[in-house]
PDB file of all heavy atoms in Angstrom:
ATOM      1  N   VAL A   1     238.509  78.534 105.324  1.00  0.00           N
ATOM      2  CA  VAL A   1     239.600  78.297 104.382  1.00  0.00           C
ATOM      3  C   VAL A   1     240.546  77.248 104.959  1.00  0.00           C
ATOM      4  O   VAL A   1     240.906  77.299 106.142  1.00  0.00           O
ATOM      5  CB  VAL A   1     240.365  79.600 104.086  1.00  0.00           C
ATOM      6  CG1 VAL A   1     241.636  79.319 103.292  1.00  0.00           C
ATOM      7  CG2 VAL A   1     239.475  80.579 103.324  1.00  0.00           C
ATOM      8  N   ALA A   2     240.925  76.293 104.137  1.00  0.00           N
ATOM      9  CA  ALA A   2     241.928  75.299 104.519  1.00  0.00           C
ATOM     10  C   ALA A   2     243.171  75.490 103.657  1.00  0.00           C
ATOM     11  O   ALA A   2     243.067  75.862 102.478  1.00  0.00           O
ATOM     12  CB  ALA A   2     241.389  73.890 104.345  1.00  0.00           C
ATOM     13  N   ILE A   3     244.326  75.274 104.250  1.00  0.00           N
ATOM     14  CA  ILE A   3     245.600  75.476 103.562  1.00  0.00           C
ATOM     15  C   ILE A   3     246.261  74.128 103.297  1.00  0.00           C
ATOM     16  O   ILE A   3     246.389  73.294 104.201  1.00  0.00           O
ATOM     17  CB  ILE A   3     246.532  76.369 104.400  1.00  0.00           C
ATOM     18  CG1 ILE A   3     245.941  77.775 104.529  1.00  0.00           C
ATOM     19  CG2 ILE A   3     247.924  76.436 103.765  1.00  0.00           C
ATOM     20  CD1 ILE A   3     246.774  78.728 105.362  1.00  0.00           C
ATOM     21  N   GLY A   4     246.659  73.924 102.063  1.00  0.00           N
ATOM     22  CA  GLY A   4     247.367  72.708 101.690  1.00  0.00           C
ATOM     23  C   GLY A   4     248.866  72.928 101.705  1.00  0.00           C
ATOM     24  O   GLY A   4     249.374  73.795 100.989  1.00  0.00           O
ATOM     25  N   LEU A   5     249.573  72.181 102.528  1.00  0.00           N
ATOM     26  CA  LEU A   5     251.033  72.277 102.587  1.00  0.00           C
ATOM     27  C   LEU A   5     251.622  71.441 101.458  1.00  0.00           C
ATOM     28  O   LEU A   5     251.427  70.225 101.394  1.00  0.00           O
ATOM     29  CB  LEU A   5     251.539  71.777 103.939  1.00  0.00           C
ATOM     30  CG  LEU A   5     251.327  72.750 105.102  1.00  0.00           C
ATOM     31  CD1 LEU A   5     251.318  72.010 106.433  1.00  0.00           C
ATOM     32  CD2 LEU A   5     252.399  73.822 105.100  1.00  0.00           C
ATOM     33  N   VAL A   6     252.329  72.113 100.546  1.00  0.00           N
ATOM     34  CA  VAL A   6     252.882  71.446  99.371  1.00  0.00           C
ATOM     35  C   VAL A   6     254.172  70.741  99.750  1.00  0.00           C
ATOM     36  O   VAL A   6     255.079  71.337 100.335  1.00  0.00           O
ATOM     37  CB  VAL A   6     253.141  72.465  98.243  1.00  0.00           C
ATOM     38  CG1 VAL A   6     253.774  71.774  97.035  1.00  0.00           C
ATOM     39  CG2 VAL A   6     251.839  73.150  97.835  1.00  0.00           C
ATOM     40  N   GLU A   7     254.246  69.473  99.416  1.00  0.00           N
ATOM     41  CA  GLU A   7     255.447  68.697  99.701  1.00  0.00           C
ATOM     42  C   GLU A   7     256.540  69.064  98.702  1.00  0.00           C
ATOM     43  O   GLU A   7     256.280  69.303  97.526  1.00  0.00           O
ATOM     44  CB  GLU A   7     255.128  67.201  99.606  1.00  0.00           C
ATOM     45  CG  GLU A   7     254.091  66.749 100.630  1.00  0.00           C
ATOM     46  CD  GLU A   7     253.583  65.341 100.376  1.00  0.00           C
ATOM     47  OE1 GLU A   7     254.005  64.740  99.364  1.00  0.00           O
ATOM     48  OE2 GLU A   7     252.768  64.865 101.175  1.00  0.00           O
ATOM     49  N   GLY A   8     257.780  69.132  99.191  1.00  0.00           N
ATOM     50  CA  GLY A   8     258.888  69.472  98.312  1.00  0.00           C
ATOM     51  C   GLY A   8     260.158  69.649  99.099  1.00  0.00           C
ATOM     52  O   GLY A   8     260.147  69.784 100.324  1.00  0.00           O
ATOM     53  N   ALA A   9     261.274  69.659  98.372  1.00  0.00           N
ATOM     54  CA  ALA A   9     262.579  69.733  99.015  1.00  0.00           C
ATOM     55  C   ALA A   9     262.869  71.152  99.471  1.00  0.00           C
ATOM     56  O   ALA A   9     262.731  72.106  98.697  1.00  0.00           O
ATOM     57  CB  ALA A   9     263.663  69.269  98.048  1.00  0.00           C
ATOM     58  N   ALA A  10     263.252  71.312 100.731  1.00  0.00           N
ATOM     59  CA  ALA A  10     263.679  72.596 101.273  1.00  0.00           C
ATOM     60  C   ALA A  10     264.530  72.338 102.512  1.00  0.00           C
ATOM     61  O   ALA A  10     264.401  71.288 103.167  1.00  0.00           O
ATOM     62  CB  ALA A  10     262.485  73.475 101.635  1.00  0.00           C
ATOM     63  N   ARG A  11     265.394  73.271 102.836  1.00  0.00           N
ATOM     64  CA  ARG A  11     266.253  73.195 104.013  1.00  0.00           C
ATOM     65  C   ARG A  11     265.394  73.010 105.266  1.00  0.00           C
ATOM     66  O   ARG A  11     264.309  73.593 105.397  1.00  0.00           O
ATOM     67  CB  ARG A  11     267.059  74.481 104.096  1.00  0.00           C
ATOM     68  CG  ARG A  11     268.106  74.535 105.173  1.00  0.00           C
ATOM     69  CD  ARG A  11     269.039  75.669 104.858  1.00  0.00           C
ATOM     70  NE  ARG A  11     269.913  76.018 105.978  1.00  0.00           N
ATOM     71  CZ  ARG A  11     270.965  76.820 105.866  1.00  0.00           C
ATOM     72  NH1 ARG A  11     271.263  77.355 104.680  1.00  0.00           N
ATOM     73  NH2 ARG A  11     271.717  77.114 106.906  1.00  0.00           N
ATOM     74  N   ALA A  12     265.878  72.211 106.192  1.00  0.00           N
ATOM     75  CA  ALA A  12     265.080  71.819 107.355  1.00  0.00           C
ATOM     76  C   ALA A  12     264.586  73.012 108.156  1.00  0.00           C
ATOM     77  O   ALA A  12     263.418  73.057 108.563  1.00  0.00           O
ATOM     78  CB  ALA A  12     265.889  70.884 108.250  1.00  0.00           C
ATOM     79  N   GLU A  13     265.451  74.025 108.380  1.00  0.00           N
ATOM     80  CA  GLU A  13     265.031  75.178 109.178  1.00  0.00           C
ATOM     81  C   GLU A  13     263.910  75.955 108.492  1.00  0.00           C
ATOM     82  O   GLU A  13     263.015  76.494 109.146  1.00  0.00           O
ATOM     83  CB  GLU A  13     266.213  76.147 109.409  1.00  0.00           C
ATOM     84  CG  GLU A  13     267.421  75.524 110.078  1.00  0.00           C
ATOM     85  CD  GLU A  13     268.498  75.192 109.059  1.00  0.00           C
ATOM     86  OE1 GLU A  13     268.225  74.364 108.153  1.00  0.00           O
ATOM     87  OE2 GLU A  13     269.594  75.779 109.152  1.00  0.00           O
ATOM     88  N   ILE A  14     263.979  76.019 107.159  1.00  0.00           N
ATOM     89  CA  ILE A  14     262.958  76.758 106.410  1.00  0.00           C
ATOM     90  C   ILE A  14     261.638  75.990 106.451  1.00  0.00           C
ATOM     91  O   ILE A  14     260.568  76.579 106.694  1.00  0.00           O
ATOM     92  CB  ILE A  14     263.414  76.990 104.962  1.00  0.00           C
ATOM     93  CG1 ILE A  14     264.673  77.864 104.947  1.00  0.00           C
ATOM     94  CG2 ILE A  14     262.295  77.620 104.134  1.00  0.00           C
ATOM     95  CD1 ILE A  14     265.309  78.018 103.580  1.00  0.00           C
ATOM     96  N   ARG A  15     261.714  74.710 106.223  1.00  0.00           N
ATOM     97  CA  ARG A  15     260.501  73.889 106.274  1.00  0.00           C
ATOM     98  C   ARG A  15     259.851  73.995 107.661  1.00  0.00           C
ATOM     99  O   ARG A  15     258.631  74.136 107.766  1.00  0.00           O
ATOM    100  CB  ARG A  15     260.860  72.431 105.951  1.00  0.00           C
ATOM    101  CG  ARG A  15     259.723  71.437 106.072  1.00  0.00           C
ATOM    102  CD  ARG A  15     258.594  71.698 105.117  1.00  0.00           C
ATOM    103  NE  ARG A  15     258.972  71.512 103.726  1.00  0.00           N
ATOM    104  CZ  ARG A  15     258.142  71.712 102.706  1.00  0.00           C
ATOM    105  NH1 ARG A  15     256.903  72.127 102.937  1.00  0.00           N
ATOM    106  NH2 ARG A  15     258.538  71.549 101.465  1.00  0.00           N
ATOM    107  N   ALA A  16     260.654  73.955 108.719  1.00  0.00           N
ATOM    108  CA  ALA A  16     260.107  74.054 110.079  1.00  0.00           C
ATOM    109  C   ALA A  16     259.455  75.409 110.309  1.00  0.00           C
ATOM    110  O   ALA A  16     258.395  75.514 110.940  1.00  0.00           O
ATOM    111  CB  ALA A  16     261.217  73.811 111.104  1.00  0.00           C
ATOM    112  N   ALA A  17     260.068  76.486 109.809  1.00  0.00           N
ATOM    113  CA  ALA A  17     259.500  77.821 109.986  1.00  0.00           C
ATOM    114  C   ALA A  17     258.178  77.974 109.253  1.00  0.00           C
ATOM    115  O   ALA A  17     257.231  78.599 109.757  1.00  0.00           O
ATOM    116  CB  ALA A  17     260.497  78.871 109.500  1.00  0.00           C
ATOM    117  N   VAL A  18     258.087  77.399 108.064  1.00  0.00           N
ATOM    118  CA  VAL A  18     256.835  77.434 107.299  1.00  0.00           C
ATOM    119  C   VAL A  18     255.742  76.666 108.025  1.00  0.00           C
ATOM    120  O   VAL A  18     254.614  77.153 108.178  1.00  0.00           O
ATOM    121  CB  VAL A  18     257.072  76.865 105.881  1.00  0.00           C
ATOM    122  CG1 VAL A  18     255.751  76.532 105.197  1.00  0.00           C
ATOM    123  CG2 VAL A  18     257.876  77.846 105.046  1.00  0.00           C
ATOM    124  N   GLU A  19     256.072  75.483 108.501  1.00  0.00           N
ATOM    125  CA  GLU A  19     255.072  74.660 109.188  1.00  0.00           C
ATOM    126  C   GLU A  19     254.613  75.351 110.475  1.00  0.00           C
ATOM    127  O   GLU A  19     253.423  75.314 110.812  1.00  0.00           O
ATOM    128  CB  GLU A  19     255.658  73.279 109.501  1.00  0.00           C
ATOM    129  CG  GLU A  19     256.134  72.543 108.256  1.00  0.00           C
ATOM    130  CD  GLU A  19     255.386  71.247 108.014  1.00  0.00           C
ATOM    131  OE1 GLU A  19     254.560  70.870 108.853  1.00  0.00           O
ATOM    132  OE2 GLU A  19     255.635  70.631 106.961  1.00  0.00           O
ATOM    133  N   ALA A  20     255.535  75.997 111.178  1.00  0.00           N
ATOM    134  CA  ALA A  20     255.174  76.696 112.413  1.00  0.00           C
ATOM    135  C   ALA A  20     254.244  77.871 112.123  1.00  0.00           C
ATOM    136  O   ALA A  20     253.278  78.118 112.858  1.00  0.00           O
ATOM    137  CB  ALA A  20     256.431  77.180 113.135  1.00  0.00           C
ATOM    138  N   ALA A  21     254.526  78.613 111.045  1.00  0.00           N
ATOM    139  CA  ALA A  21     253.680  79.756 110.689  1.00  0.00           C
ATOM    140  C   ALA A  21     252.270  79.305 110.329  1.00  0.00           C
ATOM    141  O   ALA A  21     251.277  79.921 110.746  1.00  0.00           O
ATOM    142  CB  ALA A  21     254.300  80.520 109.524  1.00  0.00           C
ATOM    143  N   ILE A  22     252.157  78.220 109.596  1.00  0.00           N
ATOM    144  CA  ILE A  22     250.831  77.718 109.205  1.00  0.00           C
ATOM    145  C   ILE A  22     250.110  77.158 110.429  1.00  0.00           C
ATOM    146  O   ILE A  22     248.901  77.363 110.613  1.00  0.00           O
ATOM    147  CB  ILE A  22     250.956  76.665 108.095  1.00  0.00           C
ATOM    148  CG1 ILE A  22     251.577  77.288 106.830  1.00  0.00           C
ATOM    149  CG2 ILE A  22     249.600  76.064 107.767  1.00  0.00           C
ATOM    150  CD1 ILE A  22     250.818  78.459 106.265  1.00  0.00           C
ATOM    151  N   ALA A  23     250.848  76.471 111.291  1.00  0.00           N
ATOM    152  CA  ALA A  23     250.231  75.909 112.503  1.00  0.00           C
ATOM    153  C   ALA A  23     249.685  77.006 113.404  1.00  0.00           C
ATOM    154  O   ALA A  23     248.637  76.835 114.060  1.00  0.00           O
ATOM    155  CB  ALA A  23     251.248  75.066 113.255  1.00  0.00           C
ATOM    156  N   ALA A  24     250.361  78.153 113.445  1.00  0.00           N
ATOM    157  CA  ALA A  24     249.930  79.263 114.299  1.00  0.00           C
ATOM    158  C   ALA A  24     248.830  80.110 113.662  1.00  0.00           C
ATOM    159  O   ALA A  24     248.264  80.988 114.311  1.00  0.00           O
ATOM    160  CB  ALA A  24     251.128  80.161 114.627  1.00  0.00           C
ATOM    161  N   SER A  25     248.514  79.827 112.403  1.00  0.00           N
ATOM    162  CA  SER A  25     247.611  80.697 111.657  1.00  0.00           C
ATOM    163  C   SER A  25     246.142  80.512 112.015  1.00  0.00           C
ATOM    164  O   SER A  25     245.316  81.384 111.744  1.00  0.00           O
ATOM    165  CB  SER A  25     247.787  80.458 110.150  1.00  0.00           C
ATOM    166  OG  SER A  25     247.266  79.172 109.787  1.00  0.00           O
ATOM    167  N   GLY A  26     245.814  79.345 112.578  1.00  0.00           N
ATOM    168  CA  GLY A  26     244.419  79.074 112.889  1.00  0.00           C
ATOM    169  C   GLY A  26     243.653  78.426 111.751  1.00  0.00           C
ATOM    170  O   GLY A  26     242.472  78.082 111.908  1.00  0.00           O
ATOM    171  N   PHE A  27     244.279  78.231 110.595  1.00  0.00           N
ATOM    172  CA  PHE A  27     243.608  77.593 109.464  1.00  0.00           C
ATOM    173  C   PHE A  27     243.745  76.080 109.541  1.00  0.00           C
ATOM    174  O   PHE A  27     244.767  75.548 109.998  1.00  0.00           O
ATOM    175  CB  PHE A  27     244.215  78.074 108.140  1.00  0.00           C
ATOM    176  CG  PHE A  27     243.931  79.508 107.814  1.00  0.00           C
ATOM    177  CD1 PHE A  27     244.907  80.477 107.982  1.00  0.00           C
ATOM    178  CD2 PHE A  27     242.682  79.899 107.346  1.00  0.00           C
ATOM    179  CE1 PHE A  27     244.652  81.810 107.683  1.00  0.00           C
ATOM    180  CE2 PHE A  27     242.412  81.233 107.044  1.00  0.00           C
ATOM    181  CZ  PHE A  27     243.393  82.190 107.218  1.00  0.00           C
ATOM    182  N   ALA A  28     242.722  75.376 109.079  1.00  0.00           N
ATOM    183  CA  ALA A  28     242.817  73.921 108.914  1.00  0.00           C
ATOM    184  C   ALA A  28     243.855  73.634 107.835  1.00  0.00           C
ATOM    185  O   ALA A  28     244.043  74.422 106.899  1.00  0.00           O
ATOM    186  CB  ALA A  28     241.469  73.348 108.521  1.00  0.00           C
ATOM    187  N   THR A  29     244.543  72.526 107.951  1.00  0.00           N
ATOM    188  CA  THR A  29     245.609  72.198 107.007  1.00  0.00           C
ATOM    189  C   THR A  29     245.525  70.760 106.539  1.00  0.00           C
ATOM    190  O   THR A  29     244.871  69.918 107.152  1.00  0.00           O
ATOM    191  CB  THR A  29     246.997  72.427 107.641  1.00  0.00           C
ATOM    192  OG1 THR A  29     247.151  71.547 108.765  1.00  0.00           O
ATOM    193  CG2 THR A  29     247.177  73.861 108.089  1.00  0.00           C
ATOM    194  N   GLY A  30     246.203  70.492 105.445  1.00  0.00           N
ATOM    195  CA  GLY A  30     246.366  69.150 104.914  1.00  0.00           C
ATOM    196  C   GLY A  30     247.626  69.122 104.073  1.00  0.00           C
ATOM    197  O   GLY A  30     248.347  70.123 103.982  1.00  0.00           O
ATOM    198  N   ARG A  31     247.902  67.980 103.464  1.00  0.00           N
ATOM    199  CA  ARG A  31     249.119  67.815 102.658  1.00  0.00           C
ATOM    200  C   ARG A  31     248.750  67.700 101.183  1.00  0.00           C
ATOM    201  O   ARG A  31     247.731  67.112 100.825  1.00  0.00           O
ATOM    202  CB  ARG A  31     249.877  66.558 103.095  1.00  0.00           C
ATOM    203  CG  ARG A  31     250.333  66.580 104.548  1.00  0.00           C
ATOM    204  CD  ARG A  31     251.572  67.421 104.721  1.00  0.00           C
ATOM    205  NE  ARG A  31     251.907  67.626 106.128  1.00  0.00           N
ATOM    206  CZ  ARG A  31     252.973  68.290 106.541  1.00  0.00           C
ATOM    207  NH1 ARG A  31     253.817  68.794 105.653  1.00  0.00           N
ATOM    208  NH2 ARG A  31     253.203  68.465 107.823  1.00  0.00           N
ATOM    209  N   VAL A  32     249.618  68.258 100.338  1.00  0.00           N
ATOM    210  CA  VAL A  32     249.391  68.255  98.895  1.00  0.00           C
ATOM    211  C   VAL A  32     250.670  67.816  98.196  1.00  0.00           C
ATOM    212  O   VAL A  32     251.756  68.330  98.499  1.00  0.00           O
ATOM    213  CB  VAL A  32     248.995  69.664  98.389  1.00  0.00           C
ATOM    214  CG1 VAL A  32     248.921  69.695  96.862  1.00  0.00           C
ATOM    215  CG2 VAL A  32     247.668  70.088  98.984  1.00  0.00           C
ATOM    216  N   GLY A  33     250.541  66.895  97.281  1.00  0.00           N
ATOM    217  CA  GLY A  33     251.652  66.508  96.426  1.00  0.00           C
ATOM    218  C   GLY A  33     251.411  66.996  95.012  1.00  0.00           C
ATOM    219  O   GLY A  33     250.309  66.850  94.487  1.00  0.00           O
ATOM    220  N   LEU A  34     252.424  67.611  94.410  1.00  0.00           N
ATOM    221  CA  LEU A  34     252.321  68.098  93.028  1.00  0.00           C
ATOM    222  C   LEU A  34     253.416  67.416  92.211  1.00  0.00           C
ATOM    223  O   LEU A  34     254.558  67.891  92.157  1.00  0.00           O
ATOM    224  CB  LEU A  34     252.467  69.622  92.979  1.00  0.00           C
ATOM    225  CG  LEU A  34     251.395  70.448  93.706  1.00  0.00           C
ATOM    226  CD1 LEU A  34     251.767  71.934  93.692  1.00  0.00           C
ATOM    227  CD2 LEU A  34     250.028  70.232  93.068  1.00  0.00           C
ATOM    228  N   SER A  35     253.079  66.303  91.569  1.00  0.00           N
ATOM    229  CA  SER A  35     254.084  65.506  90.869  1.00  0.00           C
ATOM    230  C   SER A  35     254.677  66.236  89.663  1.00  0.00           C
ATOM    231  O   SER A  35     255.784  65.903  89.218  1.00  0.00           O
ATOM    232  CB  SER A  35     253.472  64.180  90.413  1.00  0.00           C
ATOM    233  OG  SER A  35     252.390  64.406  89.520  1.00  0.00           O
ATOM    234  N   GLU A  36     253.971  67.235  89.145  1.00  0.00           N
ATOM    235  CA  GLU A  36     254.457  67.978  87.981  1.00  0.00           C
ATOM    236  C   GLU A  36     255.301  69.191  88.367  1.00  0.00           C
ATOM    237  O   GLU A  36     255.667  69.989  87.499  1.00  0.00           O
ATOM    238  CB  GLU A  36     253.266  68.430  87.128  1.00  0.00           C
ATOM    239  CG  GLU A  36     252.499  67.305  86.464  1.00  0.00           C
ATOM    240  CD  GLU A  36     253.330  66.602  85.392  1.00  0.00           C
ATOM    241  OE1 GLU A  36     254.043  67.291  84.629  1.00  0.00           O
ATOM    242  OE2 GLU A  36     253.271  65.357  85.330  1.00  0.00           O
ATOM    243  N   PHE A  37     255.617  69.342  89.659  1.00  0.00           N
ATOM    244  CA  PHE A  37     256.281  70.572  90.114  1.00  0.00           C
ATOM    245  C   PHE A  37     257.662  70.737  89.484  1.00  0.00           C
ATOM    246  O   PHE A  37     257.975  71.809  88.935  1.00  0.00           O
ATOM    247  CB  PHE A  37     256.391  70.556  91.646  1.00  0.00           C
ATOM    248  CG  PHE A  37     256.618  71.910  92.252  1.00  0.00           C
ATOM    249  CD1 PHE A  37     255.552  72.662  92.712  1.00  0.00           C
ATOM    250  CD2 PHE A  37     257.888  72.458  92.370  1.00  0.00           C
ATOM    251  CE1 PHE A  37     255.734  73.924  93.264  1.00  0.00           C
ATOM    252  CE2 PHE A  37     258.086  73.710  92.921  1.00  0.00           C
ATOM    253  CZ  PHE A  37     256.998  74.440  93.374  1.00  0.00           C
ATOM    254  N   VAL A  38     258.491  69.727  89.563  1.00  0.00           N
ATOM    255  CA  VAL A  38     259.850  69.838  89.010  1.00  0.00           C
ATOM    256  C   VAL A  38     259.818  69.973  87.491  1.00  0.00           C
ATOM    257  O   VAL A  38     260.523  70.832  86.925  1.00  0.00           O
ATOM    258  CB  VAL A  38     260.733  68.663  89.463  1.00  0.00           C
ATOM    259  CG1 VAL A  38     262.077  68.679  88.749  1.00  0.00           C
ATOM    260  CG2 VAL A  38     260.945  68.714  90.976  1.00  0.00           C
ATOM    261  N   PRO A  39     259.008  69.174  86.771  1.00  0.00           N
ATOM    262  CA  PRO A  39     258.893  69.422  85.328  1.00  0.00           C
ATOM    263  C   PRO A  39     258.429  70.841  85.000  1.00  0.00           C
ATOM    264  O   PRO A  39     258.879  71.443  84.024  1.00  0.00           O
ATOM    265  CB  PRO A  39     257.862  68.383  84.870  1.00  0.00           C
ATOM    266  CG  PRO A  39     257.991  67.267  85.860  1.00  0.00           C
ATOM    267  CD  PRO A  39     258.304  67.936  87.171  1.00  0.00           C
ATOM    268  N   ALA A  40     257.550  71.416  85.845  1.00  0.00           N
ATOM    269  CA  ALA A  40     257.074  72.781  85.607  1.00  0.00           C
ATOM    270  C   ALA A  40     258.198  73.792  85.807  1.00  0.00           C
ATOM    271  O   ALA A  40     258.271  74.799  85.087  1.00  0.00           O
ATOM    272  CB  ALA A  40     255.902  73.098  86.529  1.00  0.00           C
ATOM    273  N   TYR A  41     259.062  73.540  86.773  1.00  0.00           N
ATOM    274  CA  TYR A  41     260.216  74.413  86.985  1.00  0.00           C
ATOM    275  C   TYR A  41     261.099  74.425  85.738  1.00  0.00           C
ATOM    276  O   TYR A  41     261.508  75.489  85.246  1.00  0.00           O
ATOM    277  CB  TYR A  41     261.005  73.931  88.207  1.00  0.00           C
ATOM    278  CG  TYR A  41     262.355  74.572  88.376  1.00  0.00           C
ATOM    279  CD1 TYR A  41     262.473  75.888  88.804  1.00  0.00           C
ATOM    280  CD2 TYR A  41     263.524  73.859  88.101  1.00  0.00           C
ATOM    281  CE1 TYR A  41     263.716  76.482  88.949  1.00  0.00           C
ATOM    282  CE2 TYR A  41     264.774  74.446  88.248  1.00  0.00           C
ATOM    283  CZ  TYR A  41     264.867  75.761  88.669  1.00  0.00           C
ATOM    284  OH  TYR A  41     266.095  76.343  88.810  1.00  0.00           O
ATOM    285  N   ASP A  42     261.380  73.244  85.209  1.00  0.00           N
ATOM    286  CA  ASP A  42     262.215  73.145  84.010  1.00  0.00           C
ATOM    287  C   ASP A  42     261.527  73.769  82.800  1.00  0.00           C
ATOM    288  O   ASP A  42     262.155  74.488  82.012  1.00  0.00           O
ATOM    289  CB  ASP A  42     262.557  71.683  83.725  1.00  0.00           C
ATOM    290  CG  ASP A  42     263.427  71.053  84.797  1.00  0.00           C
ATOM    291  OD1 ASP A  42     264.191  71.785  85.451  1.00  0.00           O
ATOM    292  OD2 ASP A  42     263.329  69.821  84.999  1.00  0.00           O
ATOM    293  N   ALA A  43     260.237  73.509  82.652  1.00  0.00           N
ATOM    294  CA  ALA A  43     259.495  74.060  81.515  1.00  0.00           C
ATOM    295  C   ALA A  43     259.429  75.576  81.593  1.00  0.00           C
ATOM    296  O   ALA A  43     259.492  76.275  80.572  1.00  0.00           O
ATOM    297  CB  ALA A  43     258.093  73.465  81.471  1.00  0.00           C
TER     298      ALA A  43
END
């Protein structure tokens, strides 16, 4: 299983904690952009 880290705005400490948890998980990772994310929030 590979985990895609979704790009998006978040407080620096929270983003760092998420990245650290995924890095320690042992799963392969990559980056994911979801351009419809903010429109989906509004919708």
